[in-house]
C-alpha atoms as a PDB file:
ATOM      1  CA  MET A   1      -0.005  -0.108  -0.193  1.00  0.00           C
ATOM      2  CA  SER A   2       1.328   3.579  -0.942  1.00  0.00           C
ATOM      3  CA  THR A   3       1.982   6.148   1.711  1.00  0.00           C
ATOM      4  CA  ARG A   4       2.306   8.949  -1.174  1.00  0.00           C
ATOM      5  CA  ASN A   5       0.332  11.663  -0.877  1.00  0.00           C
ATOM      6  CA  LYS A   6       0.553  14.138  -4.193  1.00  0.00           C
ATOM      7  CA  ILE A   7      -1.118  14.528  -7.311  1.00  0.00           C
ATOM      8  CA  ALA A   8       0.469  16.219 -10.351  1.00  0.00           C
ATOM      9  CA  VAL A   9      -2.007  19.130 -11.678  1.00  0.00           C
ATOM     10  CA  VAL A  10      -1.685  19.725 -15.580  1.00  0.00           C
ATOM     11  CA  ASP A  11      -2.058  23.339 -16.652  1.00  0.00           C
ATOM     12  CA  PRO A  12      -3.759  23.105 -19.896  1.00  0.00           C
ATOM     13  CA  SER A  13      -2.395  26.138 -21.294  1.00  0.00           C
ATOM     14  CA  ALA A  14       1.554  25.631 -19.914  1.00  0.00           C
ATOM     15  CA  PRO A  15       4.058  24.011 -22.307  1.00  0.00           C
ATOM     16  CA  LYS A  16       4.385  20.062 -21.963  1.00  0.00           C
ATOM     17  CA  ALA A  17       6.792  19.168 -19.067  1.00  0.00           C
ATOM     18  CA  ASN A  18       9.366  17.579 -19.386  1.00  0.00           C
ATOM     19  CA  PRO A  19       9.374  13.906 -18.636  1.00  0.00           C
ATOM     20  CA  PHE A  20      11.703  14.390 -15.667  1.00  0.00           C
ATOM     21  CA  THR A  21       9.628  16.662 -13.878  1.00  0.00           C
ATOM     22  CA  SER A  22       6.058  18.064 -13.024  1.00  0.00           C
ATOM     23  CA  ASN A  23       4.735  21.657 -13.383  1.00  0.00           C
ATOM     24  CA  MET A  24       2.606  21.823 -10.461  1.00  0.00           C
ATOM     25  CA  ILE A  25       2.287  19.029  -7.554  1.00  0.00           C
ATOM     26  CA  VAL A  26      -0.033  19.243  -4.674  1.00  0.00           C
ATOM     27  CA  SER A  27       1.077  17.016  -1.467  1.00  0.00           C
ATOM     28  CA  GLY A  28      -1.111  17.710   1.748  1.00  0.00           C
ATOM     29  CA  SER A  29      -1.771  21.046   2.136  1.00  0.00           C
ATOM     30  CA  SER A  30       1.260  22.215   0.073  1.00  0.00           C
ATOM     31  CA  VAL A  31       1.344  23.310  -3.577  1.00  0.00           C
ATOM     32  CA  TYR A  32       4.869  23.012  -5.343  1.00  0.00           C
ATOM     33  CA  LEU A  33       5.420  25.083  -8.657  1.00  0.00           C
ATOM     34  CA  SER A  34       8.608  24.500 -10.945  1.00  0.00           C
ATOM     35  CA  GLY A  35       9.923  25.600 -14.270  1.00  0.00           C
ATOM     36  CA  VAL A  36       8.007  28.923 -13.432  1.00  0.00           C
ATOM     37  CA  VAL A  37       9.573  31.321 -16.836  1.00  0.00           C
ATOM     38  CA  GLY A  38       9.097  34.187 -18.569  1.00  0.00           C
ATOM     39  CA  VAL A  39       6.492  32.691 -20.852  1.00  0.00           C
ATOM     40  CA  ASP A  40       2.930  34.315 -22.182  1.00  0.00           C
ATOM     41  CA  ALA A  41      -0.173  32.476 -21.874  1.00  0.00           C
ATOM     42  CA  ASN A  42       0.643  30.679 -25.339  1.00  0.00           C
ATOM     43  CA  GLY A  43       3.932  29.237 -23.457  1.00  0.00           C
ATOM     44  CA  GLN A  44       6.043  31.523 -26.034  1.00  0.00           C
ATOM     45  CA  PHE A  45       9.001  33.314 -24.766  1.00  0.00           C
ATOM     46  CA  VAL A  46       8.405  37.186 -23.740  1.00  0.00           C
ATOM     47  CA  GLU A  47      10.810  39.460 -25.414  1.00  0.00           C
ATOM     48  CA  GLY A  48      11.697  42.537 -23.527  1.00  0.00           C
ATOM     49  CA  THR A  49      13.287  43.205 -20.104  1.00  0.00           C
ATOM     50  CA  ILE A  50      13.679  41.209 -17.219  1.00  0.00           C
ATOM     51  CA  GLN A  51      10.997  43.110 -15.797  1.00  0.00           C
ATOM     52  CA  ASP A  52       8.377  42.116 -18.661  1.00  0.00           C
ATOM     53  CA  ARG A  53       9.785  38.501 -18.241  1.00  0.00           C
ATOM     54  CA  THR A  54       9.650  38.413 -14.269  1.00  0.00           C
ATOM     55  CA  ARG A  55       5.792  39.837 -14.833  1.00  0.00           C
ATOM     56  CA  ALA A  56       5.165  36.893 -17.137  1.00  0.00           C
ATOM     57  CA  ALA A  57       6.792  34.145 -14.829  1.00  0.00           C
ATOM     58  CA  LEU A  58       4.418  35.341 -12.127  1.00  0.00           C
ATOM     59  CA  GLY A  59       1.374  35.186 -14.916  1.00  0.00           C
ATOM     60  CA  VAL A  60       2.019  31.726 -15.152  1.00  0.00           C
ATOM     61  CA  ALA A  61       2.326  31.056 -11.411  1.00  0.00           C
ATOM     62  CA  LYS A  62      -0.925  33.005 -11.086  1.00  0.00           C
ATOM     63  CA  ARG A  63      -2.766  30.620 -13.887  1.00  0.00           C
ATOM     64  CA  ARG A  64      -1.394  27.586 -12.391  1.00  0.00           C
ATOM     65  CA  LEU A  65      -2.434  28.525  -8.827  1.00  0.00           C
ATOM     66  CA  ALA A  66      -5.913  29.893 -10.022  1.00  0.00           C
ATOM     67  CA  LEU A  67      -6.555  26.068 -11.009  1.00  0.00           C
ATOM     68  CA  LEU A  68      -6.448  25.584  -7.410  1.00  0.00           C
ATOM     69  CA  GLY A  69      -8.477  28.609  -6.370  1.00  0.00           C
ATOM     70  CA  LEU A  70      -4.992  30.162  -5.281  1.00  0.00           C
ATOM     71  CA  ASP A  71      -3.408  32.906  -5.750  1.00  0.00           C
ATOM     72  CA  LEU A  72       0.205  35.094  -5.080  1.00  0.00           C
ATOM     73  CA  GLY A  73      -1.055  35.581  -1.585  1.00  0.00           C
ATOM     74  CA  ASP A  74      -1.084  31.843  -0.781  1.00  0.00           C
ATOM     75  CA  VAL A  75       2.767  31.796  -1.731  1.00  0.00           C
ATOM     76  CA  VAL A  76       4.986  30.954   1.137  1.00  0.00           C
ATOM     77  CA  SER A  77       8.774  30.286  -0.682  1.00  0.00           C
ATOM     78  CA  VAL A  78      10.036  31.475  -4.138  1.00  0.00           C
ATOM     79  CA  GLN A  79      13.504  30.143  -5.645  1.00  0.00           C
ATOM     80  CA  ILE A  80      14.765  32.651  -8.272  1.00  0.00           C
ATOM     81  CA  PHE A  81      17.349  32.005 -10.569  1.00  0.00           C
ATOM     82  CA  LEU A  82      19.114  34.660 -12.490  1.00  0.00           C
ATOM     83  CA  VAL A  83      21.229  34.299 -15.262  1.00  0.00           C
ATOM     84  CA  ASP A  84      22.628  37.885 -15.261  1.00  0.00           C
ATOM     85  CA  TYR A  85      22.208  38.378 -11.589  1.00  0.00           C
ATOM     86  CA  ASN A  86      24.641  41.114 -11.092  1.00  0.00           C
ATOM     87  CA  SER A  87      22.457  43.258 -13.831  1.00  0.00           C
ATOM     88  CA  ASP A  88      19.200  42.158 -13.261  1.00  0.00           C
ATOM     89  CA  PHE A  89      18.451  41.821  -9.852  1.00  0.00           C
ATOM     90  CA  ALA A  90      17.303  45.202  -9.001  1.00  0.00           C
ATOM     91  CA  SER A  91      15.268  45.398 -12.056  1.00  0.00           C
ATOM     92  CA  MET A  92      13.711  41.805 -11.394  1.00  0.00           C
ATOM     93  CA  ASN A  93      12.957  43.109  -7.751  1.00  0.00           C
ATOM     94  CA  ALA A  94      11.180  46.328  -9.350  1.00  0.00           C
ATOM     95  CA  ALA A  95       8.765  44.165 -11.052  1.00  0.00           C
ATOM     96  CA  TYR A  96       8.460  41.124  -8.611  1.00  0.00           C
ATOM     97  CA  ILE A  97       7.380  43.097  -5.518  1.00  0.00           C
ATOM     98  CA  PRO A  98       4.307  44.839  -6.841  1.00  0.00           C
ATOM     99  CA  GLU A  99       2.721  41.653  -7.954  1.00  0.00           C
ATOM    100  CA  PHE A 100       2.251  40.459  -4.703  1.00  0.00           C
ATOM    101  CA  PRO A 101      -0.927  41.445  -2.509  1.00  0.00           C
ATOM    102  CA  LYS A 102      -0.066  44.320   0.080  1.00  0.00           C
ATOM    103  CA  ASP A 103      -2.370  42.452   2.503  1.00  0.00           C
ATOM    104  CA  THR A 104      -0.156  39.223   3.324  1.00  0.00           C
ATOM    105  CA  PRO A 105       3.585  39.156   4.259  1.00  0.00           C
ATOM    106  CA  MET A 106       5.979  38.584   1.279  1.00  0.00           C
ATOM    107  CA  PRO A 107       6.980  34.899   0.731  1.00  0.00           C
ATOM    108  CA  CYS A 108      10.031  33.622   1.844  1.00  0.00           C
ATOM    109  CA  ARG A 109      12.661  34.050  -0.956  1.00  0.00           C
ATOM    110  CA  THR A 110      16.131  32.929  -2.434  1.00  0.00           C
ATOM    111  CA  CYS A 111      17.745  34.503  -5.537  1.00  0.00           C
ATOM    112  CA  VAL A 112      20.890  32.981  -6.698  1.00  0.00           C
ATOM    113  CA  GLY A 113      22.771  33.845  -9.946  1.00  0.00           C
ATOM    114  CA  ILE A 114      23.438  30.936 -12.385  1.00  0.00           C
ATOM    115  CA  ALA A 115      25.555  30.032 -15.685  1.00  0.00           C
ATOM    116  CA  THR A 116      22.749  29.512 -18.031  1.00  0.00           C
ATOM    117  CA  LEU A 117      19.031  28.381 -18.208  1.00  0.00           C
ATOM    118  CA  PRO A 118      17.634  26.445 -21.363  1.00  0.00           C
ATOM    119  CA  GLY A 119      16.187  28.093 -24.304  1.00  0.00           C
ATOM    120  CA  ARG A 120      16.825  32.230 -24.403  1.00  0.00           C
ATOM    121  CA  HIS A 121      15.575  32.165 -20.709  1.00  0.00           C
ATOM    122  CA  ASP A 122      17.306  34.638 -18.186  1.00  0.00           C
ATOM    123  CA  ILE A 123      14.890  33.906 -15.137  1.00  0.00           C
ATOM    124  CA  GLU A 124      13.379  30.793 -13.550  1.00  0.00           C
ATOM    125  CA  MET A 125      11.399  30.346 -10.312  1.00  0.00           C
ATOM    126  CA  THR A 126      10.433  27.464  -8.099  1.00  0.00           C
ATOM    127  CA  ILE A 127       7.609  28.615  -5.881  1.00  0.00           C
ATOM    128  CA  ILE A 128       5.815  26.648  -3.116  1.00  0.00           C
ATOM    129  CA  ALA A 129       2.486  27.856  -1.840  1.00  0.00           C
ATOM    130  CA  ALA A 130      -0.127  26.805   1.190  1.00  0.00           C
ATOM    131  CA  LYS A 131      -3.801  25.721   0.392  1.00  0.00           C
ATOM    132  CA  ARG A 132      -6.397  27.814   2.108  1.00  0.00           C
ATOM    133  CA  ASP A 133      -8.747  24.798   2.600  1.00  0.00           C
ATOM    134  CA  VAL A 134      -8.076  21.468   1.736  1.00  0.00           C
ATOM    135  CA  ALA A 135     -11.559  20.506   1.933  1.00  0.00           C
ATOM    136  CA  LYS A 136     -12.487  23.018  -1.173  1.00  0.00           C
ATOM    137  CA  LEU A 137     -10.018  21.489  -3.412  1.00  0.00           C
END
């Protein structure tokens, strides 16, 4: 008998996940999002600045969370990976901070610089949210 308690949730508008990962997993009262990058609602790379792609990545997170009746106010932790950390950190923050509701604490966060990401991506996020009411999901 399996004691595993996790469910993969598929966002129909998201690009198909690689076979070695899931875009979103629900386990208990936690929701885990991976591969959150700067793409539009059709999965196309967002041209422009790091701010444009930061807002787009958070838009991806919003769409995925909405499938479970959640929003960015339910996010408890974010890991951000930036290809050009020294140049993009301040600009990324300028776009990141206003996206979160003012009536909830900002999530815990780690932001690190990395050498590269797949494709043309220069930002990727991993996000953890907490479900409000398990009975409603």
